[in-house]
């Protein structure tokens, strides 16, 4: 069975019978986990194993584990600083900040791979223009050079741990006030003025970036649809101009930033036509069931290859990881970055 284009959520800390049936549908290709799906590392490992056992190839399992405000798994995982901490260090000591970003990217990914999670939707490479509160300290910095330095280092650390990076939110969410969770943000800059926002993507792509998450932000100078539903953005700019060959995720299509463009079937159709590979539909079970009933299922070998490549590589289990001096050093570095005592995890 191939992996479908939908990434969906589940309700709790274990699968319900109806969810097993839903996840076995050929249109489903992945599961995104939230804080409500987490009790402990041991429970999480069981849940991920159950999800992966349903299909061959196994469903992708992802989570938002950026650090700072956006870290779904906390107790039992190392607390990661917001990315702004790295940006401030970069301003004072560029080499040290780059080294720390690589170390923390490895730490985040290694802890997730130890329990079987394939993907963390990170790093956030939006520039901090001092405008977007929903981005805020999730951004490394306001300058594209610093963001590029730190994002590439974070990606390389993730790669060392067996996980591919997903840069977000393409082409940039940092210059709009509205939060696309609750409104439709519009950025009225001309395309040449977006050069700084696109610069980190150019560097990441040159270094083998495997995935991008597209934003629900409208740029009228390019298209009247948000980037997540826009062929001029996905096929024209991202794949054409920037030469990206990896997988493209949409941000959650249940968010208000996408909801203005028709019902969920229409939104998904637009995203697929735009060139997106994996479409998130979260916290709306009725919408998922409607899609499974109404969305035509057609094979797409190129999309399939892009998606399957995102499975995490083999990695040490949790007990082996926590016995590794590299983990202890990285956890201590994260704690120091937060200026709090080092977190101790029991194997």
C-alpha atoms as a PDB file:
ATOM      1  CA  UNK A   1       0.000   0.000   0.000  1.00  0.00           C
ATOM      2  CA  UNK A   2       1.261   3.493  -0.823  1.00  0.00           C
ATOM      3  CA  UNK A   3       1.097   6.455   1.544  1.00  0.00           C
ATOM      4  CA  UNK A   4      -1.741   8.853   0.851  1.00  0.00           C
ATOM      5  CA  UNK A   5      -1.555  12.663   0.917  1.00  0.00           C
ATOM      6  CA  UNK A   6      -3.381  13.282   4.219  1.00  0.00           C
ATOM      7  CA  UNK A   7      -1.729  13.733   7.596  1.00  0.00           C
ATOM      8  CA  UNK A   8      -4.328  13.523  10.346  1.00  0.00           C
ATOM      9  CA  UNK A   9      -4.529  13.568  14.140  1.00  0.00           C
ATOM     10  CA  UNK A  10      -5.762  11.105  16.750  1.00  0.00           C
ATOM     11  CA  UNK A  11      -7.670  11.774  19.952  1.00  0.00           C
ATOM     12  CA  UNK A  12      -5.686  10.373  22.849  1.00  0.00           C
ATOM     13  CA  UNK A  13      -2.762   8.364  24.168  1.00  0.00           C
ATOM     14  CA  UNK A  14      -3.789   5.121  22.430  1.00  0.00           C
ATOM     15  CA  UNK A  15      -5.631   4.373  19.217  1.00  0.00           C
ATOM     16  CA  UNK A  16      -9.358   3.785  19.217  1.00  0.00           C
ATOM     17  CA  UNK A  17     -10.814   1.094  16.901  1.00  0.00           C
ATOM     18  CA  UNK A  18     -12.326   3.737  14.602  1.00  0.00           C
ATOM     19  CA  UNK A  19      -8.940   5.445  14.367  1.00  0.00           C
ATOM     20  CA  UNK A  20      -7.236   2.220  13.299  1.00  0.00           C
ATOM     21  CA  UNK A  21      -9.768   1.982  10.499  1.00  0.00           C
ATOM     22  CA  UNK A  22      -9.241   5.645   9.554  1.00  0.00           C
ATOM     23  CA  UNK A  23      -5.455   5.296   9.488  1.00  0.00           C
ATOM     24  CA  UNK A  24      -5.709   2.213   7.288  1.00  0.00           C
ATOM     25  CA  UNK A  25      -7.448   4.199   4.540  1.00  0.00           C
ATOM     26  CA  UNK A  26      -5.253   4.596   1.423  1.00  0.00           C
ATOM     27  CA  UNK A  27      -5.680   8.386   1.428  1.00  0.00           C
ATOM     28  CA  UNK A  28      -3.923   8.676   4.797  1.00  0.00           C
ATOM     29  CA  UNK A  29      -0.144   8.939   4.800  1.00  0.00           C
ATOM     30  CA  UNK A  30       0.758  10.233   8.229  1.00  0.00           C
ATOM     31  CA  UNK A  31      -0.230  11.183  11.764  1.00  0.00           C
ATOM     32  CA  UNK A  32       0.613  14.397  13.586  1.00  0.00           C
ATOM     33  CA  UNK A  33       0.771  14.142  17.377  1.00  0.00           C
ATOM     34  CA  UNK A  34      -0.114  16.793  19.951  1.00  0.00           C
ATOM     35  CA  UNK A  35       0.344  17.257  23.694  1.00  0.00           C
ATOM     36  CA  UNK A  36      -2.919  15.393  24.306  1.00  0.00           C
ATOM     37  CA  UNK A  37      -1.316  12.279  22.787  1.00  0.00           C
ATOM     38  CA  UNK A  38       1.497  12.254  25.343  1.00  0.00           C
ATOM     39  CA  UNK A  39       1.767  10.912  28.871  1.00  0.00           C
ATOM     40  CA  UNK A  40       5.292   9.525  29.040  1.00  0.00           C
ATOM     41  CA  UNK A  41       8.095   8.422  26.730  1.00  0.00           C
ATOM     42  CA  UNK A  42       7.093   4.788  27.234  1.00  0.00           C
ATOM     43  CA  UNK A  43       3.449   5.447  26.328  1.00  0.00           C
ATOM     44  CA  UNK A  44       4.540   7.523  23.319  1.00  0.00           C
ATOM     45  CA  UNK A  45       6.778   4.757  22.051  1.00  0.00           C
ATOM     46  CA  UNK A  46       3.859   2.294  22.272  1.00  0.00           C
ATOM     47  CA  UNK A  47       1.526   4.685  20.451  1.00  0.00           C
ATOM     48  CA  UNK A  48       4.011   5.320  17.650  1.00  0.00           C
ATOM     49  CA  UNK A  49       4.688   1.589  17.283  1.00  0.00           C
ATOM     50  CA  UNK A  50       0.951   0.920  17.034  1.00  0.00           C
ATOM     51  CA  UNK A  51       0.532   3.589  14.356  1.00  0.00           C
ATOM     52  CA  UNK A  52       3.467   2.276  12.363  1.00  0.00           C
ATOM     53  CA  UNK A  53       2.248  -1.326  12.581  1.00  0.00           C
ATOM     54  CA  UNK A  54      -0.933  -0.549  10.635  1.00  0.00           C
ATOM     55  CA  UNK A  55       0.645  -0.069   7.221  1.00  0.00           C
ATOM     56  CA  UNK A  56       3.560  -1.005   5.002  1.00  0.00           C
ATOM     57  CA  UNK A  57       5.313   1.259   4.328  1.00  0.00           C
ATOM     58  CA  UNK A  58       4.513   2.643   7.770  1.00  0.00           C
ATOM     59  CA  UNK A  59       2.653   5.908   8.195  1.00  0.00           C
ATOM     60  CA  UNK A  60       4.806   8.958   8.841  1.00  0.00           C
ATOM     61  CA  UNK A  61       4.580  10.202  12.419  1.00  0.00           C
ATOM     62  CA  UNK A  62       5.279  13.893  13.018  1.00  0.00           C
ATOM     63  CA  UNK A  63       5.074  16.487  15.769  1.00  0.00           C
ATOM     64  CA  UNK A  64       5.806  20.169  16.376  1.00  0.00           C
ATOM     65  CA  UNK A  65       8.817  19.993  18.696  1.00  0.00           C
ATOM     66  CA  UNK A  66      10.575  23.255  17.854  1.00  0.00           C
ATOM     67  CA  UNK A  67      11.408  24.295  21.404  1.00  0.00           C
ATOM     68  CA  UNK A  68      10.238  27.254  23.456  1.00  0.00           C
ATOM     69  CA  UNK A  69       6.482  27.777  23.220  1.00  0.00           C
ATOM     70  CA  UNK A  70       6.083  25.048  20.617  1.00  0.00           C
ATOM     71  CA  UNK A  71       7.206  21.800  22.238  1.00  0.00           C
ATOM     72  CA  UNK A  72       4.445  19.179  22.444  1.00  0.00           C
ATOM     73  CA  UNK A  73       6.366  16.622  24.510  1.00  0.00           C
ATOM     74  CA  UNK A  74       7.846  18.108  27.665  1.00  0.00           C
ATOM     75  CA  UNK A  75       8.010  15.951  30.801  1.00  0.00           C
ATOM     76  CA  UNK A  76      10.570  13.244  30.047  1.00  0.00           C
ATOM     77  CA  UNK A  77      12.073  15.198  27.145  1.00  0.00           C
ATOM     78  CA  UNK A  78      14.745  17.873  27.338  1.00  0.00           C
ATOM     79  CA  UNK A  79      13.275  21.348  27.494  1.00  0.00           C
ATOM     80  CA  UNK A  80      14.520  23.250  24.458  1.00  0.00           C
ATOM     81  CA  UNK A  81      14.998  27.029  24.348  1.00  0.00           C
ATOM     82  CA  UNK A  82      13.101  29.265  21.928  1.00  0.00           C
ATOM     83  CA  UNK A  83      15.081  29.893  18.774  1.00  0.00           C
ATOM     84  CA  UNK A  84      15.528  33.564  19.644  1.00  0.00           C
ATOM     85  CA  UNK A  85      18.046  32.449  22.283  1.00  0.00           C
ATOM     86  CA  UNK A  86      20.270  31.135  19.505  1.00  0.00           C
ATOM     87  CA  UNK A  87      19.842  34.305  17.496  1.00  0.00           C
ATOM     88  CA  UNK A  88      20.976  36.456  20.388  1.00  0.00           C
ATOM     89  CA  UNK A  89      23.995  34.243  20.906  1.00  0.00           C
ATOM     90  CA  UNK A  90      24.760  34.477  17.183  1.00  0.00           C
ATOM     91  CA  UNK A  91      24.949  38.258  17.500  1.00  0.00           C
ATOM     92  CA  UNK A  92      27.602  37.889  20.195  1.00  0.00           C
ATOM     93  CA  UNK A  93      29.499  34.780  19.072  1.00  0.00           C
ATOM     94  CA  UNK A  94      28.610  33.412  15.642  1.00  0.00           C
ATOM     95  CA  UNK A  95      30.700  30.177  15.744  1.00  0.00           C
ATOM     96  CA  UNK A  96      29.455  29.265  19.224  1.00  0.00           C
ATOM     97  CA  UNK A  97      25.836  29.861  18.229  1.00  0.00           C
ATOM     98  CA  UNK A  98      26.169  27.723  15.095  1.00  0.00           C
ATOM     99  CA  UNK A  99      27.726  24.905  17.118  1.00  0.00           C
ATOM    100  CA  UNK A 100      24.955  25.127  19.722  1.00  0.00           C
ATOM    101  CA  UNK A 101      22.230  25.104  17.050  1.00  0.00           C
ATOM    102  CA  UNK A 102      23.668  21.933  15.549  1.00  0.00           C
ATOM    103  CA  UNK A 103      23.909  20.319  18.973  1.00  0.00           C
ATOM    104  CA  UNK A 104      20.322  21.208  19.899  1.00  0.00           C
ATOM    105  CA  UNK A 105      18.968  20.129  16.510  1.00  0.00           C
ATOM    106  CA  UNK A 106      20.616  16.757  17.092  1.00  0.00           C
ATOM    107  CA  UNK A 107      19.246  16.560  20.641  1.00  0.00           C
ATOM    108  CA  UNK A 108      15.665  17.314  19.615  1.00  0.00           C
ATOM    109  CA  UNK A 109      15.739  14.802  16.776  1.00  0.00           C
ATOM    110  CA  UNK A 110      17.615  12.092  18.704  1.00  0.00           C
ATOM    111  CA  UNK A 111      15.074  12.113  21.540  1.00  0.00           C
ATOM    112  CA  UNK A 112      12.199  11.807  19.062  1.00  0.00           C
ATOM    113  CA  UNK A 113      13.859   9.100  16.978  1.00  0.00           C
ATOM    114  CA  UNK A 114      14.491   7.117  20.162  1.00  0.00           C
ATOM    115  CA  UNK A 115      10.714   6.642  20.507  1.00  0.00           C
ATOM    116  CA  UNK A 116      10.068   6.179  16.794  1.00  0.00           C
ATOM    117  CA  UNK A 117       8.828   9.635  15.715  1.00  0.00           C
ATOM    118  CA  UNK A 118       9.876  10.350  12.118  1.00  0.00           C
ATOM    119  CA  UNK A 119       9.555  14.128  11.880  1.00  0.00           C
ATOM    120  CA  UNK A 120       9.622  17.303  13.880  1.00  0.00           C
ATOM    121  CA  UNK A 121       8.277  20.238  11.888  1.00  0.00           C
ATOM    122  CA  UNK A 122      11.352  22.354  12.464  1.00  0.00           C
ATOM    123  CA  UNK A 123      13.184  24.621  12.123  1.00  0.00           C
ATOM    124  CA  UNK A 124      11.066  27.750  11.892  1.00  0.00           C
ATOM    125  CA  UNK A 125      12.959  29.998   9.465  1.00  0.00           C
ATOM    126  CA  UNK A 126      10.606  32.979   9.445  1.00  0.00           C
ATOM    127  CA  UNK A 127      12.422  36.259   9.968  1.00  0.00           C
ATOM    128  CA  UNK A 128      11.572  38.195  13.106  1.00  0.00           C
ATOM    129  CA  UNK A 129      10.381  41.503  11.698  1.00  0.00           C
ATOM    130  CA  UNK A 130       8.974  42.484  15.116  1.00  0.00           C
ATOM    131  CA  UNK A 131       5.436  42.262  13.710  1.00  0.00           C
ATOM    132  CA  UNK A 132       4.077  38.714  14.058  1.00  0.00           C
ATOM    133  CA  UNK A 133       3.235  37.661  17.597  1.00  0.00           C
ATOM    134  CA  UNK A 134       2.499  34.073  16.570  1.00  0.00           C
ATOM    135  CA  UNK A 135       6.107  33.841  15.318  1.00  0.00           C
ATOM    136  CA  UNK A 136       7.892  36.093  17.815  1.00  0.00           C
ATOM    137  CA  UNK A 137      10.604  34.181  19.655  1.00  0.00           C
ATOM    138  CA  UNK A 138      10.081  31.133  17.442  1.00  0.00           C
ATOM    139  CA  UNK A 139      12.260  32.955  14.900  1.00  0.00           C
ATOM    140  CA  UNK A 140      16.016  32.726  15.207  1.00  0.00           C
ATOM    141  CA  UNK A 141      16.579  36.377  14.327  1.00  0.00           C
ATOM    142  CA  UNK A 142      15.520  39.278  12.149  1.00  0.00           C
ATOM    143  CA  UNK A 143      18.388  38.973   9.667  1.00  0.00           C
ATOM    144  CA  UNK A 144      18.492  36.382   6.905  1.00  0.00           C
ATOM    145  CA  UNK A 145      22.204  35.653   7.353  1.00  0.00           C
ATOM    146  CA  UNK A 146      21.796  34.702  11.012  1.00  0.00           C
ATOM    147  CA  UNK A 147      18.653  32.694  10.296  1.00  0.00           C
ATOM    148  CA  UNK A 148      20.413  30.876   7.454  1.00  0.00           C
ATOM    149  CA  UNK A 149      23.458  30.079   9.605  1.00  0.00           C
ATOM    150  CA  UNK A 150      21.396  28.708  12.462  1.00  0.00           C
ATOM    151  CA  UNK A 151      18.774  26.907  10.388  1.00  0.00           C
ATOM    152  CA  UNK A 152      21.400  25.048   8.358  1.00  0.00           C
ATOM    153  CA  UNK A 153      23.200  24.050  11.562  1.00  0.00           C
ATOM    154  CA  UNK A 154      19.921  22.874  13.140  1.00  0.00           C
ATOM    155  CA  UNK A 155      19.109  20.845  10.015  1.00  0.00           C
ATOM    156  CA  UNK A 156      22.534  19.202   9.998  1.00  0.00           C
ATOM    157  CA  UNK A 157      22.130  18.240  13.648  1.00  0.00           C
ATOM    158  CA  UNK A 158      18.749  16.677  12.901  1.00  0.00           C
ATOM    159  CA  UNK A 159      20.269  14.796   9.980  1.00  0.00           C
ATOM    160  CA  UNK A 160      22.969  13.335  12.225  1.00  0.00           C
ATOM    161  CA  UNK A 161      20.223  11.987  14.489  1.00  0.00           C
ATOM    162  CA  UNK A 162      18.395  10.307  11.602  1.00  0.00           C
ATOM    163  CA  UNK A 163      15.658  12.882  10.976  1.00  0.00           C
ATOM    164  CA  UNK A 164      14.950  15.176   8.061  1.00  0.00           C
ATOM    165  CA  UNK A 165      14.231  18.859   8.699  1.00  0.00           C
ATOM    166  CA  UNK A 166      11.052  20.652   7.633  1.00  0.00           C
ATOM    167  CA  UNK A 167      11.622  24.385   7.156  1.00  0.00           C
ATOM    168  CA  UNK A 168       8.603  26.598   7.788  1.00  0.00           C
ATOM    169  CA  UNK A 169       6.550  28.656   7.063  1.00  0.00           C
ATOM    170  CA  UNK A 170       7.321  29.135   3.366  1.00  0.00           C
ATOM    171  CA  UNK A 171       7.756  31.753   2.012  1.00  0.00           C
ATOM    172  CA  UNK A 172       7.540  33.679   5.307  1.00  0.00           C
ATOM    173  CA  UNK A 173       5.061  34.395   8.099  1.00  0.00           C
ATOM    174  CA  UNK A 174       7.073  37.015   9.960  1.00  0.00           C
ATOM    175  CA  UNK A 175       5.891  40.191   8.223  1.00  0.00           C
ATOM    176  CA  UNK A 176       2.135  39.859   8.921  1.00  0.00           C
ATOM    177  CA  UNK A 177       0.210  40.732  12.058  1.00  0.00           C
ATOM    178  CA  UNK A 178      -2.621  38.214  11.639  1.00  0.00           C
ATOM    179  CA  UNK A 179      -2.252  34.688  12.975  1.00  0.00           C
ATOM    180  CA  UNK A 180      -3.249  32.198  10.255  1.00  0.00           C
ATOM    181  CA  UNK A 181      -4.775  29.942  12.924  1.00  0.00           C
ATOM    182  CA  UNK A 182      -7.609  32.463  13.335  1.00  0.00           C
ATOM    183  CA  UNK A 183      -7.440  34.831  10.320  1.00  0.00           C
ATOM    184  CA  UNK A 184      -6.128  35.156   6.778  1.00  0.00           C
ATOM    185  CA  UNK A 185      -2.819  37.056   6.801  1.00  0.00           C
ATOM    186  CA  UNK A 186      -1.965  39.191   3.767  1.00  0.00           C
ATOM    187  CA  UNK A 187       1.574  40.366   2.979  1.00  0.00           C
ATOM    188  CA  UNK A 188       1.429  43.108   0.320  1.00  0.00           C
ATOM    189  CA  UNK A 189       5.133  43.294  -0.490  1.00  0.00           C
ATOM    190  CA  UNK A 190       6.309  42.836  -4.049  1.00  0.00           C
ATOM    191  CA  UNK A 191       8.191  39.630  -4.854  1.00  0.00           C
ATOM    192  CA  UNK A 192      11.665  41.287  -4.973  1.00  0.00           C
ATOM    193  CA  UNK A 193      11.067  42.622  -1.453  1.00  0.00           C
ATOM    194  CA  UNK A 194      10.714  39.037  -0.182  1.00  0.00           C
ATOM    195  CA  UNK A 195      14.360  38.313  -0.931  1.00  0.00           C
ATOM    196  CA  UNK A 196      15.457  38.327   2.735  1.00  0.00           C
ATOM    197  CA  UNK A 197      12.656  35.907   3.700  1.00  0.00           C
ATOM    198  CA  UNK A 198      13.584  33.511   0.886  1.00  0.00           C
ATOM    199  CA  UNK A 199      17.345  33.643   1.503  1.00  0.00           C
ATOM    200  CA  UNK A 200      17.359  31.021   4.310  1.00  0.00           C
ATOM    201  CA  UNK A 201      15.429  28.637   2.064  1.00  0.00           C
ATOM    202  CA  UNK A 202      18.047  29.055  -0.656  1.00  0.00           C
ATOM    203  CA  UNK A 203      20.790  28.051   1.779  1.00  0.00           C
ATOM    204  CA  UNK A 204      18.833  25.142   3.233  1.00  0.00           C
ATOM    205  CA  UNK A 205      17.944  23.807  -0.220  1.00  0.00           C
ATOM    206  CA  UNK A 206      21.591  24.035  -1.278  1.00  0.00           C
ATOM    207  CA  UNK A 207      22.387  21.856   1.752  1.00  0.00           C
ATOM    208  CA  UNK A 208      19.819  19.167   0.964  1.00  0.00           C
ATOM    209  CA  UNK A 209      16.661  20.309   2.752  1.00  0.00           C
ATOM    210  CA  UNK A 210      14.185  17.385   2.606  1.00  0.00           C
ATOM    211  CA  UNK A 211      10.885  19.133   3.417  1.00  0.00           C
ATOM    212  CA  UNK A 212       9.118  22.503   3.577  1.00  0.00           C
ATOM    213  CA  UNK A 213       5.848  23.544   5.208  1.00  0.00           C
ATOM    214  CA  UNK A 214       3.880  26.153   3.260  1.00  0.00           C
ATOM    215  CA  UNK A 215       2.164  29.051   5.007  1.00  0.00           C
ATOM    216  CA  UNK A 216      -1.462  30.156   4.850  1.00  0.00           C
ATOM    217  CA  UNK A 217      -0.359  33.679   3.949  1.00  0.00           C
ATOM    218  CA  UNK A 218      -1.548  35.521   0.832  1.00  0.00           C
ATOM    219  CA  UNK A 219       0.986  37.504  -1.189  1.00  0.00           C
ATOM    220  CA  UNK A 220      -1.198  39.363  -3.737  1.00  0.00           C
ATOM    221  CA  UNK A 221       1.821  40.314  -5.842  1.00  0.00           C
ATOM    222  CA  UNK A 222       2.252  36.606  -6.636  1.00  0.00           C
ATOM    223  CA  UNK A 223      -1.195  35.020  -6.244  1.00  0.00           C
ATOM    224  CA  UNK A 224      -4.581  35.702  -4.688  1.00  0.00           C
ATOM    225  CA  UNK A 225      -4.438  32.373  -2.860  1.00  0.00           C
ATOM    226  CA  UNK A 226      -2.264  31.615   0.165  1.00  0.00           C
ATOM    227  CA  UNK A 227       1.114  30.051  -0.563  1.00  0.00           C
ATOM    228  CA  UNK A 228      -0.151  26.669   0.689  1.00  0.00           C
ATOM    229  CA  UNK A 229      -2.773  26.589  -2.091  1.00  0.00           C
ATOM    230  CA  UNK A 230      -0.782  28.427  -4.752  1.00  0.00           C
ATOM    231  CA  UNK A 231       0.786  26.811  -7.788  1.00  0.00           C
ATOM    232  CA  UNK A 232       2.769  29.991  -8.579  1.00  0.00           C
ATOM    233  CA  UNK A 233       4.361  29.679  -5.127  1.00  0.00           C
ATOM    234  CA  UNK A 234       4.878  25.907  -4.873  1.00  0.00           C
ATOM    235  CA  UNK A 235       5.680  24.968  -8.461  1.00  0.00           C
ATOM    236  CA  UNK A 236       6.761  28.371  -9.704  1.00  0.00           C
ATOM    237  CA  UNK A 237       8.910  29.792  -6.920  1.00  0.00           C
ATOM    238  CA  UNK A 238       9.749  26.897  -4.578  1.00  0.00           C
ATOM    239  CA  UNK A 239      10.342  24.127  -7.101  1.00  0.00           C
ATOM    240  CA  UNK A 240      11.139  26.307 -10.118  1.00  0.00           C
ATOM    241  CA  UNK A 241      13.076  29.365  -8.975  1.00  0.00           C
ATOM    242  CA  UNK A 242      14.585  27.852  -5.797  1.00  0.00           C
ATOM    243  CA  UNK A 243      15.102  24.361  -7.226  1.00  0.00           C
ATOM    244  CA  UNK A 244      13.551  22.493  -4.296  1.00  0.00           C
ATOM    245  CA  UNK A 245      13.132  18.739  -4.877  1.00  0.00           C
ATOM    246  CA  UNK A 246      11.857  17.607  -1.481  1.00  0.00           C
ATOM    247  CA  UNK A 247       8.391  17.162   0.024  1.00  0.00           C
ATOM    248  CA  UNK A 248       5.974  20.031   0.620  1.00  0.00           C
ATOM    249  CA  UNK A 249       3.584  19.996   3.571  1.00  0.00           C
ATOM    250  CA  UNK A 250       0.700  22.376   3.990  1.00  0.00           C
ATOM    251  CA  UNK A 251       0.118  23.964   7.338  1.00  0.00           C
ATOM    252  CA  UNK A 252      -3.111  22.693   8.911  1.00  0.00           C
ATOM    253  CA  UNK A 253      -5.905  23.083   6.353  1.00  0.00           C
ATOM    254  CA  UNK A 254      -8.440  23.388   9.181  1.00  0.00           C
ATOM    255  CA  UNK A 255      -6.951  26.773  10.106  1.00  0.00           C
ATOM    256  CA  UNK A 256      -8.815  29.978   9.301  1.00  0.00           C
ATOM    257  CA  UNK A 257      -6.082  31.033   6.894  1.00  0.00           C
ATOM    258  CA  UNK A 258      -7.164  28.228   4.555  1.00  0.00           C
ATOM    259  CA  UNK A 259     -10.869  28.014   5.401  1.00  0.00           C
ATOM    260  CA  UNK A 260     -11.697  31.096   3.298  1.00  0.00           C
ATOM    261  CA  UNK A 261     -10.992  29.088   0.139  1.00  0.00           C
ATOM    262  CA  UNK A 262     -13.880  26.637   0.144  1.00  0.00           C
ATOM    263  CA  UNK A 263     -14.842  23.481   1.958  1.00  0.00           C
ATOM    264  CA  UNK A 264     -12.212  21.012   3.055  1.00  0.00           C
ATOM    265  CA  UNK A 265     -12.436  18.971  -0.147  1.00  0.00           C
ATOM    266  CA  UNK A 266     -11.860  22.104  -2.230  1.00  0.00           C
ATOM    267  CA  UNK A 267      -8.954  23.195  -0.032  1.00  0.00           C
ATOM    268  CA  UNK A 268      -7.287  19.814  -0.351  1.00  0.00           C
ATOM    269  CA  UNK A 269      -7.856  19.789  -4.106  1.00  0.00           C
ATOM    270  CA  UNK A 270      -6.272  23.234  -4.436  1.00  0.00           C
ATOM    271  CA  UNK A 271      -3.281  22.180  -2.327  1.00  0.00           C
ATOM    272  CA  UNK A 272      -2.706  19.085  -4.434  1.00  0.00           C
ATOM    273  CA  UNK A 273      -3.032  21.080  -7.659  1.00  0.00           C
ATOM    274  CA  UNK A 274      -0.547  23.605  -6.256  1.00  0.00           C
ATOM    275  CA  UNK A 275       2.013  20.819  -5.904  1.00  0.00           C
ATOM    276  CA  UNK A 276       1.860  20.018  -2.183  1.00  0.00           C
ATOM    277  CA  UNK A 277       2.660  16.437  -1.196  1.00  0.00           C
ATOM    278  CA  UNK A 278       1.262  16.024   2.332  1.00  0.00           C
ATOM    279  CA  UNK A 279      -1.784  17.903   3.575  1.00  0.00           C
ATOM    280  CA  UNK A 280      -2.419  18.408   7.280  1.00  0.00           C
ATOM    281  CA  UNK A 281      -6.036  18.254   8.453  1.00  0.00           C
ATOM    282  CA  UNK A 282      -6.109  18.495  12.237  1.00  0.00           C
ATOM    283  CA  UNK A 283      -8.665  18.678  15.040  1.00  0.00           C
ATOM    284  CA  UNK A 284     -11.604  18.176  12.691  1.00  0.00           C
ATOM    285  CA  UNK A 285     -12.549  14.507  12.480  1.00  0.00           C
ATOM    286  CA  UNK A 286     -15.682  15.254  10.458  1.00  0.00           C
ATOM    287  CA  UNK A 287     -13.558  16.946   7.792  1.00  0.00           C
ATOM    288  CA  UNK A 288     -11.179  13.983   7.656  1.00  0.00           C
ATOM    289  CA  UNK A 289     -14.052  11.535   7.238  1.00  0.00           C
ATOM    290  CA  UNK A 290     -15.532  13.716   4.491  1.00  0.00           C
ATOM    291  CA  UNK A 291     -12.215  13.651   2.671  1.00  0.00           C
ATOM    292  CA  UNK A 292     -11.888   9.887   2.983  1.00  0.00           C
ATOM    293  CA  UNK A 293     -15.365   9.552   1.502  1.00  0.00           C
ATOM    294  CA  UNK A 294     -15.164  12.143  -1.273  1.00  0.00           C
ATOM    295  CA  UNK A 295     -11.551  12.760  -2.284  1.00  0.00           C
ATOM    296  CA  UNK A 296     -10.487  10.772  -5.347  1.00  0.00           C
ATOM    297  CA  UNK A 297      -7.518   8.522  -4.660  1.00  0.00           C
ATOM    298  CA  UNK A 298      -5.022   8.496  -7.507  1.00  0.00           C
ATOM    299  CA  UNK A 299      -1.423   7.188  -7.562  1.00  0.00           C
ATOM    300  CA  UNK A 300       1.353   9.771  -7.793  1.00  0.00           C
ATOM    301  CA  UNK A 301       4.731   8.005  -7.907  1.00  0.00           C
ATOM    302  CA  UNK A 302       6.790  11.199  -7.616  1.00  0.00           C
ATOM    303  CA  UNK A 303       4.877  12.387  -4.558  1.00  0.00           C
ATOM    304  CA  UNK A 304       5.195   8.905  -3.070  1.00  0.00           C
ATOM    305  CA  UNK A 305       8.988   8.938  -3.385  1.00  0.00           C
ATOM    306  CA  UNK A 306       9.230  12.356  -1.748  1.00  0.00           C
ATOM    307  CA  UNK A 307       7.088  11.265   1.190  1.00  0.00           C
ATOM    308  CA  UNK A 308       8.640   7.847   1.813  1.00  0.00           C
ATOM    309  CA  UNK A 309      12.082   9.433   1.983  1.00  0.00           C
ATOM    310  CA  UNK A 310      10.969  11.276   5.110  1.00  0.00           C
ATOM    311  CA  UNK A 311      10.870   8.162   7.273  1.00  0.00           C
ATOM    312  CA  UNK A 312      13.404   8.466  10.059  1.00  0.00           C
ATOM    313  CA  UNK A 313      16.585   6.434   9.829  1.00  0.00           C
ATOM    314  CA  UNK A 314      17.464   3.739  12.351  1.00  0.00           C
ATOM    315  CA  UNK A 315      18.512   5.290  15.652  1.00  0.00           C
ATOM    316  CA  UNK A 316      19.452   4.231  19.204  1.00  0.00           C
ATOM    317  CA  UNK A 317      16.616   3.420  21.578  1.00  0.00           C
ATOM    318  CA  UNK A 318      15.880   5.583  24.573  1.00  0.00           C
ATOM    319  CA  UNK A 319      17.978   3.691  27.123  1.00  0.00           C
ATOM    320  CA  UNK A 320      21.003   3.690  24.810  1.00  0.00           C
ATOM    321  CA  UNK A 321      20.556   7.372  24.001  1.00  0.00           C
ATOM    322  CA  UNK A 322      20.362   8.442  27.643  1.00  0.00           C
ATOM    323  CA  UNK A 323      23.536   6.515  28.416  1.00  0.00           C
ATOM    324  CA  UNK A 324      25.407   8.391  25.677  1.00  0.00           C
ATOM    325  CA  UNK A 325      27.771  11.164  26.757  1.00  0.00           C
ATOM    326  CA  UNK A 326      26.733  13.165  23.707  1.00  0.00           C
ATOM    327  CA  UNK A 327      23.138  13.257  24.964  1.00  0.00           C
ATOM    328  CA  UNK A 328      24.256  14.342  28.440  1.00  0.00           C
ATOM    329  CA  UNK A 329      26.403  17.120  26.994  1.00  0.00           C
ATOM    330  CA  UNK A 330      23.643  18.333  24.680  1.00  0.00           C
ATOM    331  CA  UNK A 331      21.014  18.266  27.442  1.00  0.00           C
ATOM    332  CA  UNK A 332      23.347  20.273  29.659  1.00  0.00           C
ATOM    333  CA  UNK A 333      23.875  22.780  26.836  1.00  0.00           C
ATOM    334  CA  UNK A 334      20.119  23.167  26.420  1.00  0.00           C
ATOM    335  CA  UNK A 335      19.697  23.728  30.145  1.00  0.00           C
ATOM    336  CA  UNK A 336      22.488  26.288  30.155  1.00  0.00           C
ATOM    337  CA  UNK A 337      20.855  28.093  27.231  1.00  0.00           C
ATOM    338  CA  UNK A 338      17.692  28.321  29.317  1.00  0.00           C
ATOM    339  CA  UNK A 339      19.711  29.193  32.430  1.00  0.00           C
ATOM    340  CA  UNK A 340      17.992  26.434  34.404  1.00  0.00           C
ATOM    341  CA  UNK A 341      19.389  23.286  36.099  1.00  0.00           C
ATOM    342  CA  UNK A 342      20.013  20.393  33.732  1.00  0.00           C
ATOM    343  CA  UNK A 343      17.053  18.056  33.295  1.00  0.00           C
ATOM    344  CA  UNK A 344      17.704  14.502  34.424  1.00  0.00           C
ATOM    345  CA  UNK A 345      15.911  11.713  32.588  1.00  0.00           C
ATOM    346  CA  UNK A 346      15.767   8.201  33.957  1.00  0.00           C
ATOM    347  CA  UNK A 347      16.216   5.441  31.397  1.00  0.00           C
END
